[in-house]
Amino acid sequence: MKKLVVSMAVLLGSLTTFASTTITEKQVNTQEIAIQEEYTEVAVDALPDAVKSAVATAMPGAVIEKAYINENQEYKLEVKAGEQTATVYTDADGTIMQK
């Protein structure tokens, strides 16, 4: 009888430790903010020589198809080299930027 009582106490004690263990999940909310810059189209002929030579140096044989400028005097250029097209960003001095 004593063994039965001790067995039941051990059994119930082990069940309560499992019952008290809870796993909670935390939900993490993230937000992505996209900042869209305003560019206005400019003629390719109106580009500074530094911008034209930077593209010619970085991408030999590439042709600037369209050019855009923003209020910070940064240029967005649509460039085509063979069958491939790319968008290149430069500043007024011709320094190519990553965006």
N, C-alpha and C. Protein backbone atom coordinates (compact mmCIF):
# COMPACT_ATOMS: atom_id res chain seq x y z
N MET A 1 0.82 -1.17 0.00
CA MET A 1 0.00 0.00 0.00
C MET A 1 0.87 1.25 0.00
N LYS A 2 1.94 1.19 0.77
CA LYS A 2 2.84 2.32 0.86
C LYS A 2 3.48 2.57 -0.50
N LYS A 3 3.84 1.50 -1.20
CA LYS A 3 4.46 1.63 -2.51
C LYS A 3 3.48 2.24 -3.51
N LEU A 4 2.22 1.89 -3.39
CA LEU A 4 1.20 2.41 -4.28
C LEU A 4 1.02 3.92 -4.08
N VAL A 5 1.02 4.37 -2.84
CA VAL A 5 0.86 5.79 -2.55
C VAL A 5 2.07 6.56 -3.06
N VAL A 6 3.27 6.03 -2.84
CA VAL A 6 4.48 6.70 -3.30
C VAL A 6 4.51 6.73 -4.83
N SER A 7 4.10 5.67 -5.48
CA SER A 7 4.06 5.61 -6.94
C SER A 7 3.10 6.64 -7.50
N MET A 8 1.94 6.76 -6.90
CA MET A 8 0.95 7.74 -7.35
C MET A 8 1.47 9.16 -7.15
N ALA A 9 2.16 9.42 -6.06
CA ALA A 9 2.70 10.75 -5.79
C ALA A 9 3.76 11.11 -6.83
N VAL A 10 4.63 10.16 -7.15
CA VAL A 10 5.67 10.38 -8.15
C VAL A 10 5.04 10.60 -9.53
N LEU A 11 4.04 9.80 -9.86
CA LEU A 11 3.36 9.91 -11.15
C LEU A 11 2.66 11.25 -11.28
N LEU A 12 1.92 11.67 -10.28
CA LEU A 12 1.24 12.95 -10.33
C LEU A 12 2.22 14.12 -10.32
N GLY A 13 3.30 13.97 -9.60
CA GLY A 13 4.32 15.02 -9.56
C GLY A 13 4.98 15.20 -10.92
N SER A 14 5.22 14.11 -11.63
CA SER A 14 5.86 14.22 -12.94
C SER A 14 4.89 14.79 -13.98
N LEU A 15 3.61 14.52 -13.84
CA LEU A 15 2.63 15.07 -14.78
C LEU A 15 2.47 16.57 -14.61
N THR A 16 2.59 17.05 -13.40
CA THR A 16 2.42 18.49 -13.19
C THR A 16 3.60 19.28 -13.75
N THR A 17 4.78 18.69 -13.77
CA THR A 17 5.91 19.42 -14.36
C THR A 17 5.73 19.56 -15.86
N PHE A 18 5.16 18.56 -16.51
CA PHE A 18 4.90 18.68 -17.94
C PHE A 18 3.76 19.65 -18.21
N ALA A 19 2.79 19.67 -17.34
CA ALA A 19 1.65 20.53 -17.53
C ALA A 19 2.01 22.00 -17.33
N SER A 20 3.00 22.27 -16.50
CA SER A 20 3.35 23.66 -16.23
C SER A 20 4.27 24.23 -17.31
N THR A 21 4.82 23.41 -18.17
CA THR A 21 5.70 23.89 -19.23
C THR A 21 4.85 24.37 -20.40
N THR A 22 4.98 25.65 -20.71
CA THR A 22 4.24 26.19 -21.84
C THR A 22 5.20 26.86 -22.81
N ILE A 23 4.89 26.73 -24.04
CA ILE A 23 5.71 27.34 -25.08
C ILE A 23 4.88 28.47 -25.70
N THR A 24 5.45 29.64 -25.71
CA THR A 24 4.75 30.77 -26.30
C THR A 24 5.50 31.24 -27.54
N GLU A 25 4.76 31.67 -28.50
CA GLU A 25 5.36 32.21 -29.72
C GLU A 25 5.19 33.71 -29.72
N LYS A 26 6.23 34.39 -30.11
CA LYS A 26 6.15 35.84 -30.21
C LYS A 26 6.00 36.21 -31.67
N GLN A 27 5.12 37.12 -31.91
CA GLN A 27 4.90 37.59 -33.27
C GLN A 27 5.67 38.89 -33.43
N VAL A 28 6.50 38.94 -34.44
CA VAL A 28 7.31 40.12 -34.69
C VAL A 28 6.74 40.83 -35.92
N ASN A 29 6.41 42.06 -35.74
CA ASN A 29 5.89 42.86 -36.85
C ASN A 29 7.02 43.70 -37.42
N THR A 30 7.19 43.63 -38.72
CA THR A 30 8.20 44.45 -39.38
C THR A 30 7.51 45.30 -40.43
N GLN A 31 8.07 46.44 -40.64
CA GLN A 31 7.56 47.34 -41.66
C GLN A 31 8.69 47.70 -42.60
N GLU A 32 8.38 47.74 -43.87
CA GLU A 32 9.35 48.15 -44.87
C GLU A 32 8.87 49.47 -45.45
N ILE A 33 9.73 50.44 -45.40
CA ILE A 33 9.37 51.76 -45.89
C ILE A 33 10.19 52.03 -47.15
N ALA A 34 9.50 52.30 -48.21
CA ALA A 34 10.16 52.63 -49.47
C ALA A 34 10.06 54.13 -49.70
N ILE A 35 11.20 54.72 -49.92
CA ILE A 35 11.22 56.14 -50.19
C ILE A 35 11.38 56.32 -51.69
N GLN A 36 10.42 56.95 -52.28
CA GLN A 36 10.45 57.14 -53.71
C GLN A 36 10.92 58.56 -54.00
N GLU A 37 11.98 58.65 -54.77
CA GLU A 37 12.52 59.95 -55.10
C GLU A 37 11.89 60.42 -56.41
N GLU A 38 11.70 61.70 -56.50
CA GLU A 38 11.11 62.29 -57.69
C GLU A 38 12.20 62.62 -58.70
N TYR A 39 12.12 62.00 -59.85
CA TYR A 39 13.04 62.27 -60.94
C TYR A 39 12.26 62.86 -62.10
N THR A 40 12.85 63.83 -62.76
CA THR A 40 12.25 64.39 -63.96
C THR A 40 13.17 64.08 -65.14
N GLU A 41 12.56 63.80 -66.26
CA GLU A 41 13.34 63.39 -67.43
C GLU A 41 14.06 64.60 -68.03
N VAL A 42 15.30 64.36 -68.43
CA VAL A 42 16.10 65.38 -69.12
C VAL A 42 16.63 64.77 -70.40
N ALA A 43 17.01 65.61 -71.32
CA ALA A 43 17.57 65.14 -72.59
C ALA A 43 18.96 64.56 -72.34
N VAL A 44 19.27 63.51 -73.07
CA VAL A 44 20.58 62.87 -72.92
C VAL A 44 21.68 63.84 -73.32
N ASP A 45 21.42 64.70 -74.29
CA ASP A 45 22.41 65.69 -74.73
C ASP A 45 22.70 66.72 -73.65
N ALA A 46 21.76 66.92 -72.70
CA ALA A 46 21.93 67.92 -71.65
C ALA A 46 22.73 67.40 -70.46
N LEU A 47 23.13 66.13 -70.48
CA LEU A 47 23.90 65.57 -69.37
C LEU A 47 25.29 66.19 -69.31
N PRO A 48 25.82 66.38 -68.12
CA PRO A 48 27.20 66.88 -67.99
C PRO A 48 28.19 65.89 -68.60
N ASP A 49 29.30 66.41 -69.09
CA ASP A 49 30.32 65.57 -69.71
C ASP A 49 30.88 64.55 -68.71
N ALA A 50 30.95 64.94 -67.44
CA ALA A 50 31.47 64.02 -66.41
C ALA A 50 30.59 62.78 -66.29
N VAL A 51 29.28 62.96 -66.40
CA VAL A 51 28.35 61.83 -66.30
C VAL A 51 28.50 60.93 -67.52
N LYS A 52 28.57 61.53 -68.69
CA LYS A 52 28.72 60.75 -69.93
C LYS A 52 30.02 59.95 -69.93
N SER A 53 31.11 60.59 -69.52
CA SER A 53 32.41 59.89 -69.53
C SER A 53 32.46 58.81 -68.45
N ALA A 54 31.78 59.00 -67.32
CA ALA A 54 31.75 57.97 -66.27
C ALA A 54 31.05 56.71 -66.77
N VAL A 55 29.95 56.89 -67.50
CA VAL A 55 29.24 55.73 -68.06
C VAL A 55 30.09 55.07 -69.14
N ALA A 56 30.73 55.87 -69.98
CA ALA A 56 31.57 55.32 -71.04
C ALA A 56 32.76 54.54 -70.47
N THR A 57 33.30 55.00 -69.35
CA THR A 57 34.43 54.31 -68.72
C THR A 57 33.98 53.04 -68.03
N ALA A 58 32.86 53.11 -67.30
CA ALA A 58 32.39 51.96 -66.54
C ALA A 58 31.78 50.89 -67.43
N MET A 59 31.14 51.31 -68.51
CA MET A 59 30.46 50.36 -69.39
C MET A 59 30.81 50.70 -70.85
N PRO A 60 31.97 50.25 -71.32
CA PRO A 60 32.38 50.58 -72.69
C PRO A 60 31.36 50.04 -73.71
N GLY A 61 31.00 50.90 -74.66
CA GLY A 61 30.06 50.52 -75.69
C GLY A 61 28.61 50.69 -75.29
N ALA A 62 28.34 51.15 -74.09
CA ALA A 62 26.96 51.32 -73.61
C ALA A 62 26.39 52.63 -74.14
N VAL A 63 25.08 52.63 -74.35
CA VAL A 63 24.38 53.81 -74.85
C VAL A 63 23.36 54.26 -73.79
N ILE A 64 23.37 55.54 -73.46
CA ILE A 64 22.40 56.08 -72.53
C ILE A 64 21.11 56.34 -73.31
N GLU A 65 20.05 55.63 -72.95
CA GLU A 65 18.78 55.76 -73.66
C GLU A 65 17.90 56.85 -73.08
N LYS A 66 17.81 56.91 -71.74
CA LYS A 66 17.01 57.93 -71.06
C LYS A 66 17.78 58.43 -69.85
N ALA A 67 17.52 59.67 -69.49
CA ALA A 67 18.17 60.27 -68.34
C ALA A 67 17.15 61.04 -67.52
N TYR A 68 17.32 60.95 -66.20
CA TYR A 68 16.44 61.64 -65.26
C TYR A 68 17.30 62.33 -64.22
N ILE A 69 16.77 63.40 -63.62
CA ILE A 69 17.49 64.13 -62.58
C ILE A 69 16.53 64.42 -61.43
N ASN A 70 17.07 64.43 -60.20
CA ASN A 70 16.25 64.79 -59.04
C ASN A 70 16.72 66.12 -58.47
N GLU A 71 16.11 66.54 -57.38
CA GLU A 71 16.43 67.85 -56.80
C GLU A 71 17.82 67.91 -56.19
N ASN A 72 18.45 66.75 -55.91
CA ASN A 72 19.81 66.72 -55.35
C ASN A 72 20.88 66.66 -56.42
N GLN A 73 20.49 66.89 -57.66
CA GLN A 73 21.41 66.84 -58.81
C GLN A 73 22.02 65.45 -58.97
N GLU A 74 21.22 64.42 -58.71
CA GLU A 74 21.62 63.03 -58.93
C GLU A 74 20.91 62.54 -60.18
N TYR A 75 21.62 61.78 -60.98
CA TYR A 75 21.09 61.33 -62.26
C TYR A 75 20.73 59.85 -62.22
N LYS A 76 19.61 59.53 -62.81
CA LYS A 76 19.18 58.15 -63.00
C LYS A 76 19.23 57.91 -64.51
N LEU A 77 20.07 56.96 -64.92
CA LEU A 77 20.30 56.73 -66.33
C LEU A 77 19.85 55.33 -66.72
N GLU A 78 19.10 55.23 -67.79
CA GLU A 78 18.76 53.92 -68.36
C GLU A 78 19.75 53.66 -69.48
N VAL A 79 20.59 52.64 -69.27
CA VAL A 79 21.71 52.37 -70.15
C VAL A 79 21.50 51.02 -70.83
N LYS A 80 21.85 50.95 -72.11
CA LYS A 80 21.73 49.70 -72.85
C LYS A 80 23.09 49.34 -73.45
N ALA A 81 23.51 48.11 -73.17
CA ALA A 81 24.76 47.59 -73.72
C ALA A 81 24.45 46.27 -74.42
N GLY A 82 24.39 46.28 -75.71
CA GLY A 82 24.01 45.08 -76.45
C GLY A 82 22.53 44.80 -76.22
N GLU A 83 22.22 43.62 -75.72
CA GLU A 83 20.84 43.24 -75.42
C GLU A 83 20.47 43.50 -73.96
N GLN A 84 21.45 43.88 -73.15
CA GLN A 84 21.20 44.08 -71.73
C GLN A 84 20.92 45.55 -71.42
N THR A 85 19.99 45.77 -70.50
CA THR A 85 19.71 47.12 -70.04
C THR A 85 19.98 47.20 -68.54
N ALA A 86 20.33 48.38 -68.08
CA ALA A 86 20.63 48.58 -66.66
C ALA A 86 20.25 50.00 -66.28
N THR A 87 20.01 50.20 -65.00
CA THR A 87 19.77 51.52 -64.45
C THR A 87 20.98 51.91 -63.62
N VAL A 88 21.56 53.05 -63.94
CA VAL A 88 22.78 53.52 -63.29
C VAL A 88 22.47 54.87 -62.65
N TYR A 89 22.95 55.06 -61.42
CA TYR A 89 22.77 56.31 -60.69
C TYR A 89 24.11 56.99 -60.55
N THR A 90 24.18 58.28 -60.88
CA THR A 90 25.41 59.05 -60.72
C THR A 90 25.08 60.39 -60.10
N ASP A 91 26.13 61.05 -59.59
CA ASP A 91 25.94 62.43 -59.16
C ASP A 91 26.42 63.35 -60.28
N ALA A 92 26.40 64.64 -60.06
CA ALA A 92 26.75 65.60 -61.10
C ALA A 92 28.22 65.52 -61.49
N ASP A 93 29.06 64.98 -60.60
CA ASP A 93 30.50 64.85 -60.90
C ASP A 93 30.82 63.58 -61.65
N GLY A 94 29.83 62.72 -61.87
CA GLY A 94 30.05 61.48 -62.59
C GLY A 94 30.39 60.29 -61.71
N THR A 95 30.28 60.44 -60.42
CA THR A 95 30.54 59.34 -59.50
C THR A 95 29.34 58.40 -59.50
N ILE A 96 29.58 57.12 -59.81
CA ILE A 96 28.50 56.15 -59.86
C ILE A 96 28.14 55.75 -58.44
N MET A 97 26.81 55.76 -58.15
CA MET A 97 26.31 55.49 -56.80
C MET A 97 25.52 54.19 -56.77
N GLN A 98 25.44 53.58 -55.60
CA GLN A 98 24.62 52.38 -55.39
C GLN A 98 23.30 52.80 -54.79
N LYS A 99 22.21 52.34 -55.38
CA LYS A 99 20.88 52.62 -54.82
C LYS A 99 20.07 51.36 -54.84
